[in-house]
Amino acid sequence: MAVLAVTATTAVPAFALDRRVRIINDTGYVLVEFYGSNKGSTSWEEDILGPDVLRSGQSVRIDFDDGTGYCKFDFKAIFDDGDELIRKGVNICEIGSYTYN
């Protein structure tokens, strides 16, 4: 009976899942803009990096918890050579990092 009580108190509801993801740039190019929008959004919102950039070999930890409870996000990365990479349906509740290479 004690095991059942412990299991019930340690269960994590979907809205409390960790939505922090380390974005890693291993491309050889500078990541100049980065967007992450939940699957329910119709726009990319604002550039998460703002005035900052992510040089090759660097990483940044981003908290994607936007209060909606979504785990699936679309990522859009724009690099200094003009390349734009879009990845749809990234489950941020299941990963701790995402690498561009």
N, C-alpha and C. Protein backbone atom coordinates (compact mmCIF):
# COMPACT_ATOMS: atom_id res chain seq x y z
N MET A 1 0.82 -1.19 0.00
CA MET A 1 0.00 0.00 0.00
C MET A 1 0.87 1.26 0.00
N ALA A 2 2.00 1.26 0.69
CA ALA A 2 2.87 2.43 0.73
C ALA A 2 3.45 2.72 -0.65
N VAL A 3 3.77 1.69 -1.43
CA VAL A 3 4.30 1.89 -2.77
C VAL A 3 3.27 2.59 -3.65
N LEU A 4 2.03 2.20 -3.53
CA LEU A 4 0.97 2.83 -4.31
C LEU A 4 0.85 4.31 -3.97
N ALA A 5 0.97 4.67 -2.71
CA ALA A 5 0.88 6.08 -2.30
C ALA A 5 2.05 6.88 -2.86
N VAL A 6 3.25 6.31 -2.86
CA VAL A 6 4.42 6.99 -3.39
C VAL A 6 4.26 7.20 -4.89
N THR A 7 3.80 6.20 -5.60
CA THR A 7 3.59 6.32 -7.04
C THR A 7 2.58 7.41 -7.35
N ALA A 8 1.55 7.49 -6.60
CA ALA A 8 0.52 8.50 -6.84
C ALA A 8 1.04 9.91 -6.60
N THR A 9 1.91 10.07 -5.63
CA THR A 9 2.41 11.42 -5.33
C THR A 9 3.55 11.84 -6.25
N THR A 10 4.20 10.88 -6.92
CA THR A 10 5.29 11.25 -7.81
C THR A 10 4.86 11.31 -9.27
N ALA A 11 3.63 10.98 -9.55
CA ALA A 11 3.14 11.10 -10.93
C ALA A 11 3.16 12.58 -11.33
N VAL A 12 3.61 12.84 -12.56
CA VAL A 12 3.74 14.21 -13.02
C VAL A 12 2.66 14.49 -14.07
N PRO A 13 1.78 15.43 -13.79
CA PRO A 13 0.78 15.77 -14.80
C PRO A 13 1.42 16.43 -16.01
N ALA A 14 0.76 16.35 -17.16
CA ALA A 14 1.33 16.87 -18.41
C ALA A 14 1.72 18.34 -18.31
N PHE A 15 0.95 19.13 -17.57
CA PHE A 15 1.26 20.56 -17.49
C PHE A 15 2.50 20.85 -16.67
N ALA A 16 3.01 19.87 -15.90
CA ALA A 16 4.18 20.09 -15.05
C ALA A 16 5.46 19.48 -15.64
N LEU A 17 5.39 18.94 -16.85
CA LEU A 17 6.57 18.34 -17.46
C LEU A 17 7.64 19.39 -17.73
N ASP A 18 8.89 18.94 -17.72
CA ASP A 18 10.02 19.83 -17.98
C ASP A 18 10.04 20.17 -19.47
N ARG A 19 9.93 21.41 -19.80
CA ARG A 19 9.91 21.86 -21.19
C ARG A 19 11.18 22.66 -21.53
N ARG A 20 12.23 22.44 -20.77
CA ARG A 20 13.51 23.10 -21.05
C ARG A 20 14.34 22.20 -21.98
N VAL A 21 14.87 22.81 -23.04
CA VAL A 21 15.64 22.07 -24.03
C VAL A 21 16.91 22.86 -24.32
N ARG A 22 18.03 22.15 -24.36
CA ARG A 22 19.30 22.78 -24.75
C ARG A 22 19.40 22.71 -26.27
N ILE A 23 19.48 23.86 -26.92
CA ILE A 23 19.66 23.96 -28.36
C ILE A 23 21.16 24.07 -28.62
N ILE A 24 21.69 23.14 -29.41
CA ILE A 24 23.12 23.06 -29.67
C ILE A 24 23.38 23.35 -31.15
N ASN A 25 24.31 24.25 -31.41
CA ASN A 25 24.68 24.59 -32.78
C ASN A 25 26.04 23.97 -33.10
N ASP A 26 26.03 22.92 -33.92
CA ASP A 26 27.26 22.27 -34.38
C ASP A 26 27.36 22.33 -35.90
N THR A 27 26.92 23.42 -36.51
CA THR A 27 26.81 23.50 -37.96
C THR A 27 28.03 24.09 -38.66
N GLY A 28 28.83 24.86 -37.93
CA GLY A 28 29.90 25.61 -38.58
C GLY A 28 29.44 27.00 -38.99
N TYR A 29 28.17 27.31 -38.76
CA TYR A 29 27.59 28.62 -39.08
C TYR A 29 26.98 29.23 -37.82
N VAL A 30 26.75 30.52 -37.86
CA VAL A 30 26.15 31.21 -36.72
C VAL A 30 24.63 31.13 -36.86
N LEU A 31 23.98 30.68 -35.80
CA LEU A 31 22.51 30.66 -35.75
C LEU A 31 22.09 32.07 -35.32
N VAL A 32 21.42 32.79 -36.22
CA VAL A 32 21.11 34.20 -35.95
C VAL A 32 19.69 34.43 -35.46
N GLU A 33 18.78 33.51 -35.78
CA GLU A 33 17.40 33.60 -35.29
C GLU A 33 16.90 32.21 -34.97
N PHE A 34 16.12 32.10 -33.91
CA PHE A 34 15.54 30.81 -33.54
C PHE A 34 14.11 31.02 -33.04
N TYR A 35 13.21 30.21 -33.55
CA TYR A 35 11.80 30.29 -33.19
C TYR A 35 11.32 28.91 -32.74
N GLY A 36 10.45 28.89 -31.76
CA GLY A 36 9.82 27.66 -31.31
C GLY A 36 8.37 27.95 -30.98
N SER A 37 7.46 27.36 -31.75
CA SER A 37 6.04 27.62 -31.57
C SER A 37 5.31 26.32 -31.31
N ASN A 38 4.40 26.33 -30.34
CA ASN A 38 3.66 25.11 -30.05
C ASN A 38 2.75 24.76 -31.21
N LYS A 39 2.37 23.49 -31.30
CA LYS A 39 1.59 22.98 -32.43
C LYS A 39 0.24 23.67 -32.57
N GLY A 40 -0.25 24.32 -31.55
CA GLY A 40 -1.53 25.01 -31.62
C GLY A 40 -1.42 26.44 -32.12
N SER A 41 -0.20 26.92 -32.32
CA SER A 41 0.03 28.30 -32.73
C SER A 41 -0.03 28.43 -34.25
N THR A 42 -0.47 29.59 -34.70
CA THR A 42 -0.54 29.85 -36.14
C THR A 42 0.58 30.76 -36.62
N SER A 43 1.48 31.15 -35.71
CA SER A 43 2.61 32.01 -36.11
C SER A 43 3.87 31.55 -35.38
N TRP A 44 5.00 32.08 -35.80
CA TRP A 44 6.28 31.73 -35.18
C TRP A 44 6.56 32.53 -33.92
N GLU A 45 5.73 33.50 -33.59
CA GLU A 45 5.96 34.35 -32.42
C GLU A 45 7.23 35.18 -32.63
N GLU A 46 8.00 35.43 -31.55
CA GLU A 46 9.20 36.27 -31.70
C GLU A 46 10.46 35.40 -31.70
N ASP A 47 11.54 36.00 -32.20
CA ASP A 47 12.86 35.36 -32.21
C ASP A 47 13.29 35.15 -30.76
N ILE A 48 13.46 33.90 -30.36
CA ILE A 48 13.81 33.57 -28.98
C ILE A 48 15.19 34.10 -28.61
N LEU A 49 16.11 34.15 -29.56
CA LEU A 49 17.46 34.63 -29.26
C LEU A 49 17.52 36.14 -29.10
N GLY A 50 16.52 36.84 -29.63
CA GLY A 50 16.53 38.30 -29.54
C GLY A 50 17.76 38.86 -30.23
N PRO A 51 18.49 39.76 -29.58
CA PRO A 51 19.68 40.35 -30.21
C PRO A 51 20.90 39.42 -30.17
N ASP A 52 20.80 38.30 -29.45
CA ASP A 52 21.93 37.37 -29.33
C ASP A 52 21.99 36.44 -30.54
N VAL A 53 23.12 35.77 -30.69
CA VAL A 53 23.31 34.75 -31.71
C VAL A 53 23.89 33.51 -31.03
N LEU A 54 23.84 32.39 -31.73
CA LEU A 54 24.41 31.16 -31.21
C LEU A 54 25.49 30.69 -32.19
N ARG A 55 26.74 30.90 -31.80
CA ARG A 55 27.86 30.53 -32.67
C ARG A 55 28.02 29.01 -32.70
N SER A 56 28.67 28.53 -33.75
CA SER A 56 28.93 27.10 -33.86
C SER A 56 29.74 26.65 -32.64
N GLY A 57 29.32 25.54 -32.05
CA GLY A 57 29.96 25.03 -30.84
C GLY A 57 29.32 25.52 -29.56
N GLN A 58 28.40 26.45 -29.67
CA GLN A 58 27.72 26.98 -28.49
C GLN A 58 26.34 26.34 -28.33
N SER A 59 25.78 26.51 -27.14
CA SER A 59 24.44 26.02 -26.88
C SER A 59 23.72 27.01 -25.96
N VAL A 60 22.40 26.89 -25.94
CA VAL A 60 21.59 27.72 -25.08
C VAL A 60 20.44 26.85 -24.57
N ARG A 61 20.09 27.05 -23.32
CA ARG A 61 18.97 26.31 -22.74
C ARG A 61 17.73 27.20 -22.80
N ILE A 62 16.68 26.68 -23.41
CA ILE A 62 15.45 27.44 -23.61
C ILE A 62 14.31 26.77 -22.88
N ASP A 63 13.55 27.55 -22.14
CA ASP A 63 12.35 27.05 -21.47
C ASP A 63 11.16 27.34 -22.39
N PHE A 64 10.59 26.28 -22.96
CA PHE A 64 9.49 26.41 -23.89
C PHE A 64 8.13 26.41 -23.20
N ASP A 65 8.10 26.42 -21.88
CA ASP A 65 6.83 26.40 -21.16
C ASP A 65 6.10 27.71 -21.38
N ASP A 66 5.11 27.68 -22.26
CA ASP A 66 4.37 28.89 -22.58
C ASP A 66 2.99 28.91 -21.92
N GLY A 67 2.77 27.98 -20.98
CA GLY A 67 1.52 27.94 -20.24
C GLY A 67 0.39 27.22 -20.93
N THR A 68 0.61 26.73 -22.14
CA THR A 68 -0.46 26.06 -22.89
C THR A 68 -0.56 24.57 -22.60
N GLY A 69 0.50 23.97 -22.08
CA GLY A 69 0.51 22.54 -21.83
C GLY A 69 0.98 21.71 -23.02
N TYR A 70 1.29 22.35 -24.14
CA TYR A 70 1.75 21.61 -25.32
C TYR A 70 3.14 21.03 -25.09
N CYS A 71 3.36 19.83 -25.64
CA CYS A 71 4.68 19.21 -25.64
C CYS A 71 5.29 19.23 -27.05
N LYS A 72 4.47 19.32 -28.07
CA LYS A 72 4.99 19.32 -29.44
C LYS A 72 5.13 20.75 -29.95
N PHE A 73 6.35 21.03 -30.42
CA PHE A 73 6.69 22.35 -30.92
C PHE A 73 7.33 22.24 -32.29
N ASP A 74 7.18 23.28 -33.08
CA ASP A 74 7.88 23.41 -34.35
C ASP A 74 9.05 24.35 -34.12
N PHE A 75 10.22 23.98 -34.66
CA PHE A 75 11.43 24.79 -34.54
C PHE A 75 11.76 25.39 -35.90
N LYS A 76 12.24 26.63 -35.87
CA LYS A 76 12.74 27.28 -37.08
C LYS A 76 14.05 27.96 -36.73
N ALA A 77 15.11 27.57 -37.43
CA ALA A 77 16.43 28.14 -37.20
C ALA A 77 16.90 28.83 -38.48
N ILE A 78 17.41 30.05 -38.33
CA ILE A 78 17.95 30.80 -39.46
C ILE A 78 19.43 31.06 -39.19
N PHE A 79 20.27 30.72 -40.18
CA PHE A 79 21.71 30.83 -40.03
C PHE A 79 22.27 32.01 -40.83
N ASP A 80 23.49 32.41 -40.50
CA ASP A 80 24.09 33.58 -41.14
C ASP A 80 24.38 33.40 -42.62
N ASP A 81 24.32 32.18 -43.14
CA ASP A 81 24.51 31.96 -44.58
C ASP A 81 23.17 31.99 -45.33
N GLY A 82 22.07 32.28 -44.59
CA GLY A 82 20.75 32.36 -45.21
C GLY A 82 19.95 31.08 -45.13
N ASP A 83 20.58 29.98 -44.73
CA ASP A 83 19.83 28.72 -44.61
C ASP A 83 18.78 28.84 -43.52
N GLU A 84 17.63 28.25 -43.79
CA GLU A 84 16.51 28.23 -42.84
C GLU A 84 16.09 26.77 -42.68
N LEU A 85 16.16 26.27 -41.46
CA LEU A 85 15.78 24.89 -41.18
C LEU A 85 14.54 24.87 -40.31
N ILE A 86 13.54 24.10 -40.75
CA ILE A 86 12.30 23.96 -40.00
C ILE A 86 12.12 22.49 -39.65
N ARG A 87 11.84 22.24 -38.39
CA ARG A 87 11.55 20.88 -37.91
C ARG A 87 10.21 20.94 -37.20
N LYS A 88 9.27 20.15 -37.64
CA LYS A 88 7.92 20.16 -37.07
C LYS A 88 7.72 19.01 -36.11
N GLY A 89 6.94 19.27 -35.07
CA GLY A 89 6.52 18.22 -34.15
C GLY A 89 7.57 17.69 -33.20
N VAL A 90 8.49 18.53 -32.76
CA VAL A 90 9.51 18.12 -31.80
C VAL A 90 8.85 18.00 -30.43
N ASN A 91 8.96 16.82 -29.81
CA ASN A 91 8.36 16.61 -28.49
C ASN A 91 9.35 17.07 -27.42
N ILE A 92 9.17 18.30 -26.97
CA ILE A 92 10.10 18.90 -26.02
C ILE A 92 9.98 18.31 -24.63
N CYS A 93 8.91 17.57 -24.36
CA CYS A 93 8.75 16.92 -23.05
C CYS A 93 9.55 15.64 -22.96
N GLU A 94 10.05 15.14 -24.11
CA GLU A 94 10.78 13.88 -24.13
C GLU A 94 12.27 14.03 -24.40
N ILE A 95 12.70 15.24 -24.80
CA ILE A 95 14.12 15.43 -25.12
C ILE A 95 14.74 16.45 -24.17
N GLY A 96 16.03 16.34 -23.96
CA GLY A 96 16.73 17.32 -23.14
C GLY A 96 17.57 18.26 -23.97
N SER A 97 17.85 17.83 -25.24
CA SER A 97 18.65 18.67 -26.12
C SER A 97 18.26 18.42 -27.56
N TYR A 98 18.56 19.41 -28.40
CA TYR A 98 18.31 19.31 -29.83
C TYR A 98 19.52 19.91 -30.53
N THR A 99 20.15 19.13 -31.42
CA THR A 99 21.39 19.56 -32.05
C THR A 99 21.20 19.83 -33.53
N TYR A 100 21.68 21.00 -33.96
CA TYR A 100 21.78 21.31 -35.38
C TYR A 100 23.21 20.98 -35.79
N ASN A 101 23.37 20.12 -36.81
CA ASN A 101 24.71 19.78 -37.28
C ASN A 101 24.73 19.54 -38.77
